[in-house]
Amino acid sequence: MMNNRSKQRSSAEHQRRGFLKLAGATGISLTFLSLRSAHAKTYLNLEQAQKLLLPNKSLTPSNVTLTDVQKKSIQAASKVRVRSNNVVAWKSGEGDWLLLEQIIGKHENIDMAFALDSQGRVLGMEVLTYRESYGHEIRHPKWRAQFHGKDSSERLKLDKQIKNISGATLSCRHVTDGVNRITQTWNLVLRHL
């Protein structure tokens, strides 16, 4: 039989083990989170992206707050969920657009800038900040060039009009979805401004 002193030691040992498990799990979680954020890489700021995408263009802020009806229309046309009511955009005097978007990667957001011409065709895109530990191949100019000239007239699909990158499938799919959403946003909202 256990005496009182043995029971106290056993209880204290149980508490110590529980604390060590909790401390270990917390430490692992914090290490994992810091490793995930350690992979964040900023490639360009917005001004640098604008110089690459719309060189020598003077841009005026044209931010838009989407109505619920507009959001539903964009979602229906693009088959992509509209996560924000706010469209962060700039417009040139010639009708070109620069849009700042957050595209979901596998787990984290990818900050991107997109340029559309006055007809809603993709002129280019740049990755500003990439937070995933893999899949950064979407920055490759040849992969991004597949989107040049695309507009709202067709819904782009990965492995159909847009080639996939092995190891970056979710980022490729979500960028493709983002282009569909952006071109439909231009078609249904921005072109009327």
Protein backbone atom coordinates (compact mmCIF):
# COMPACT_ATOMS: atom_id res chain seq x y z
CA MET A 1 0.00 0.00 0.00
CA MET A 2 1.11 3.53 -0.68
CA ASN A 3 1.61 5.73 2.29
CA ASN A 4 0.76 9.43 2.25
CA ARG A 5 4.35 10.41 1.45
CA SER A 6 4.51 8.05 -1.55
CA LYS A 7 1.20 9.40 -2.85
CA GLN A 8 2.53 12.97 -2.61
CA ARG A 9 5.72 12.02 -4.49
CA SER A 10 3.68 10.21 -7.14
CA SER A 11 1.35 13.21 -7.52
CA ALA A 12 4.30 15.63 -7.69
CA GLU A 13 6.01 13.41 -10.28
CA HIS A 14 2.77 13.29 -12.31
CA GLN A 15 2.47 17.10 -12.18
CA ARG A 16 6.14 17.52 -13.16
CA ARG A 17 5.70 15.21 -16.17
CA GLY A 18 2.53 17.05 -17.20
CA PHE A 19 4.33 20.39 -16.98
CA LEU A 20 7.25 19.06 -19.04
CA LYS A 21 4.88 17.74 -21.70
CA LEU A 22 3.10 21.10 -21.87
CA ALA A 23 6.38 23.03 -21.95
CA GLY A 24 7.72 20.73 -24.66
CA ALA A 25 4.57 21.05 -26.78
CA THR A 26 4.60 24.83 -26.37
CA GLY A 27 8.27 24.98 -27.31
CA ILE A 28 7.70 22.83 -30.38
CA SER A 29 4.73 24.97 -31.41
CA LEU A 30 6.68 28.20 -30.99
CA THR A 31 9.63 26.75 -32.91
CA PHE A 32 7.29 25.62 -35.71
CA LEU A 33 5.67 29.06 -35.90
CA SER A 34 9.02 30.83 -35.98
CA LEU A 35 10.28 28.47 -38.69
CA ARG A 36 7.15 29.12 -40.77
CA SER A 37 7.55 32.88 -40.46
CA ALA A 38 11.30 32.56 -41.07
CA HIS A 39 10.45 31.46 -44.62
CA ALA A 40 8.69 34.73 -45.41
CA LYS A 41 10.59 36.48 -48.15
CA THR A 42 9.85 39.95 -49.47
CA TYR A 43 10.99 40.29 -53.08
CA LEU A 44 9.54 43.66 -54.04
CA ASN A 45 7.68 46.53 -52.48
CA LEU A 46 4.65 48.01 -54.22
CA GLU A 47 6.59 50.87 -55.80
CA GLN A 48 9.15 48.48 -57.30
CA ALA A 49 6.37 46.25 -58.65
CA GLN A 50 4.62 49.25 -60.20
CA LYS A 51 7.84 50.25 -61.99
CA LEU A 52 8.13 46.74 -63.42
CA LEU A 53 4.47 46.27 -64.34
CA LEU A 54 3.44 49.77 -65.44
CA PRO A 55 6.66 51.70 -66.08
CA ASN A 56 6.38 55.44 -66.62
CA LYS A 57 2.68 55.46 -65.75
CA SER A 58 1.20 57.94 -63.33
CA LEU A 59 -1.29 56.15 -61.11
CA THR A 60 -4.17 57.45 -59.02
CA PRO A 61 -5.53 55.46 -56.07
CA SER A 62 -8.89 53.96 -56.98
CA ASN A 63 -9.75 51.76 -54.04
CA VAL A 64 -13.21 50.23 -54.20
CA THR A 65 -15.48 48.74 -51.56
CA LEU A 66 -17.51 45.97 -53.16
CA THR A 67 -21.21 45.69 -52.42
CA ASP A 68 -22.64 42.30 -51.49
CA VAL A 69 -24.23 42.11 -54.95
CA GLN A 70 -20.88 42.81 -56.64
CA LYS A 71 -19.13 40.21 -54.47
CA LYS A 72 -21.72 37.58 -55.36
CA SER A 73 -21.48 38.45 -59.05
CA ILE A 74 -17.68 38.17 -59.03
CA GLN A 75 -17.85 34.86 -57.14
CA ALA A 76 -20.43 33.48 -59.58
CA ALA A 77 -18.44 34.53 -62.65
CA SER A 78 -15.01 33.46 -61.39
CA LYS A 79 -16.06 30.44 -59.28
CA VAL A 80 -13.67 31.84 -56.65
CA ARG A 81 -14.59 33.10 -53.19
CA VAL A 82 -14.12 36.85 -52.71
CA ARG A 83 -12.46 37.09 -49.29
CA SER A 84 -12.49 40.88 -48.93
CA ASN A 85 -14.89 43.68 -49.79
CA ASN A 86 -11.92 45.97 -50.45
CA VAL A 87 -10.20 46.20 -53.81
CA VAL A 88 -6.85 47.95 -53.41
CA ALA A 89 -6.20 49.48 -56.82
CA TRP A 90 -4.60 52.29 -58.79
CA LYS A 91 -5.60 53.51 -62.23
CA SER A 92 -3.54 55.22 -64.90
CA GLY A 93 -4.83 58.01 -67.15
CA GLU A 94 -4.80 55.50 -70.03
CA GLY A 95 -7.10 53.11 -68.13
CA ASP A 96 -4.49 50.57 -66.99
CA TRP A 97 -4.92 49.12 -63.51
CA LEU A 98 -2.55 48.02 -60.75
CA LEU A 99 -4.14 45.80 -58.11
CA LEU A 100 -2.69 44.62 -54.83
CA GLU A 101 -3.99 41.20 -53.82
CA GLN A 102 -3.43 38.58 -51.15
CA ILE A 103 -3.63 35.12 -52.65
CA ILE A 104 -3.71 32.16 -50.31
CA GLY A 105 -0.80 29.76 -50.85
CA LYS A 106 -0.92 26.40 -49.11
CA HIS A 107 -1.17 27.87 -45.61
CA GLU A 108 -0.12 31.51 -45.83
CA ASN A 109 -1.01 34.58 -47.89
CA ILE A 110 1.06 35.56 -50.90
CA ASP A 111 1.15 39.32 -51.48
CA MET A 112 0.98 40.01 -55.21
CA ALA A 113 0.62 42.93 -57.59
CA PHE A 114 -1.29 42.51 -60.85
CA ALA A 115 -1.40 44.84 -63.84
CA LEU A 116 -4.35 44.92 -66.24
CA ASP A 117 -4.60 46.98 -69.40
CA SER A 118 -7.57 49.20 -70.28
CA GLN A 119 -9.35 46.16 -71.79
CA GLY A 120 -8.95 44.04 -68.63
CA ARG A 121 -6.16 41.85 -70.03
CA VAL A 122 -3.34 40.75 -67.75
CA LEU A 123 -0.17 42.72 -68.47
CA GLY A 124 1.81 41.01 -65.74
CA MET A 125 2.08 40.03 -62.11
CA GLU A 126 4.75 40.16 -59.45
CA VAL A 127 5.13 38.33 -56.14
CA LEU A 128 5.79 40.90 -53.42
CA THR A 129 5.99 38.66 -50.33
CA TYR A 130 5.99 34.85 -50.27
CA ARG A 131 5.48 33.25 -46.86
CA GLU A 132 5.52 29.52 -47.65
CA SER A 133 8.56 27.28 -47.23
CA TYR A 134 8.11 25.86 -50.75
CA GLY A 135 6.24 26.67 -53.94
CA HIS A 136 8.18 29.87 -54.63
CA GLU A 137 8.63 28.65 -58.22
CA ILE A 138 5.52 30.67 -59.07
CA ARG A 139 7.92 33.63 -59.24
CA HIS A 140 9.52 32.18 -62.36
CA PRO A 141 8.92 34.60 -65.28
CA LYS A 142 8.09 31.78 -67.70
CA TRP A 143 5.33 30.45 -65.46
CA ARG A 144 3.86 33.92 -64.86
CA ALA A 145 4.02 34.70 -68.59
CA GLN A 146 1.23 32.15 -69.18
CA PHE A 147 -1.22 34.73 -67.83
CA HIS A 148 -0.23 37.59 -70.16
CA GLY A 149 -3.14 38.65 -72.31
CA LYS A 150 -5.69 36.58 -70.35
CA ASP A 151 -8.97 38.29 -69.52
CA SER A 152 -12.46 37.60 -68.19
CA SER A 153 -13.61 35.90 -71.41
CA GLU A 154 -12.50 32.46 -70.19
CA ARG A 155 -12.18 30.87 -66.78
CA LEU A 156 -8.60 29.69 -66.44
CA LYS A 157 -7.95 26.23 -65.04
CA LEU A 158 -4.74 24.71 -63.78
CA ASP A 159 -3.50 21.89 -66.04
CA LYS A 160 -5.72 23.22 -68.84
CA GLN A 161 -4.73 26.73 -69.95
CA ILE A 162 -2.17 27.12 -67.13
CA LYS A 163 0.64 24.61 -66.57
CA ASN A 164 1.23 23.33 -63.06
CA ILE A 165 4.57 23.31 -61.24
CA SER A 166 5.24 20.07 -59.39
CA GLY A 167 5.70 20.84 -55.70
CA ALA A 168 3.83 24.14 -55.98
CA THR A 169 0.40 22.88 -56.99
CA LEU A 170 -1.64 24.76 -54.38
CA SER A 171 0.17 28.05 -55.00
CA CYS A 172 -0.27 27.58 -58.77
CA ARG A 173 -3.97 26.79 -58.35
CA HIS A 174 -4.61 29.72 -56.04
CA VAL A 175 -2.76 32.22 -58.23
CA THR A 176 -4.80 30.95 -61.20
CA ASP A 177 -7.98 31.40 -59.15
CA GLY A 178 -6.78 34.87 -58.15
CA VAL A 179 -6.35 35.88 -61.79
CA ASN A 180 -9.88 34.63 -62.52
CA ARG A 181 -11.22 36.70 -59.63
CA ILE A 182 -9.24 39.81 -60.61
CA THR A 183 -10.25 39.74 -64.28
CA GLN A 184 -13.90 39.28 -63.28
CA THR A 185 -13.55 42.13 -60.77
CA TRP A 186 -12.32 44.33 -63.63
CA ASN A 187 -15.11 43.12 -65.95
CA LEU A 188 -17.96 43.56 -63.47
CA VAL A 189 -16.78 46.58 -61.44
CA LEU A 190 -13.55 48.37 -62.36
CA ARG A 191 -14.16 48.93 -66.04
CA HIS A 192 -17.23 51.02 -65.16
CA LEU A 193 -15.17 53.46 -63.05
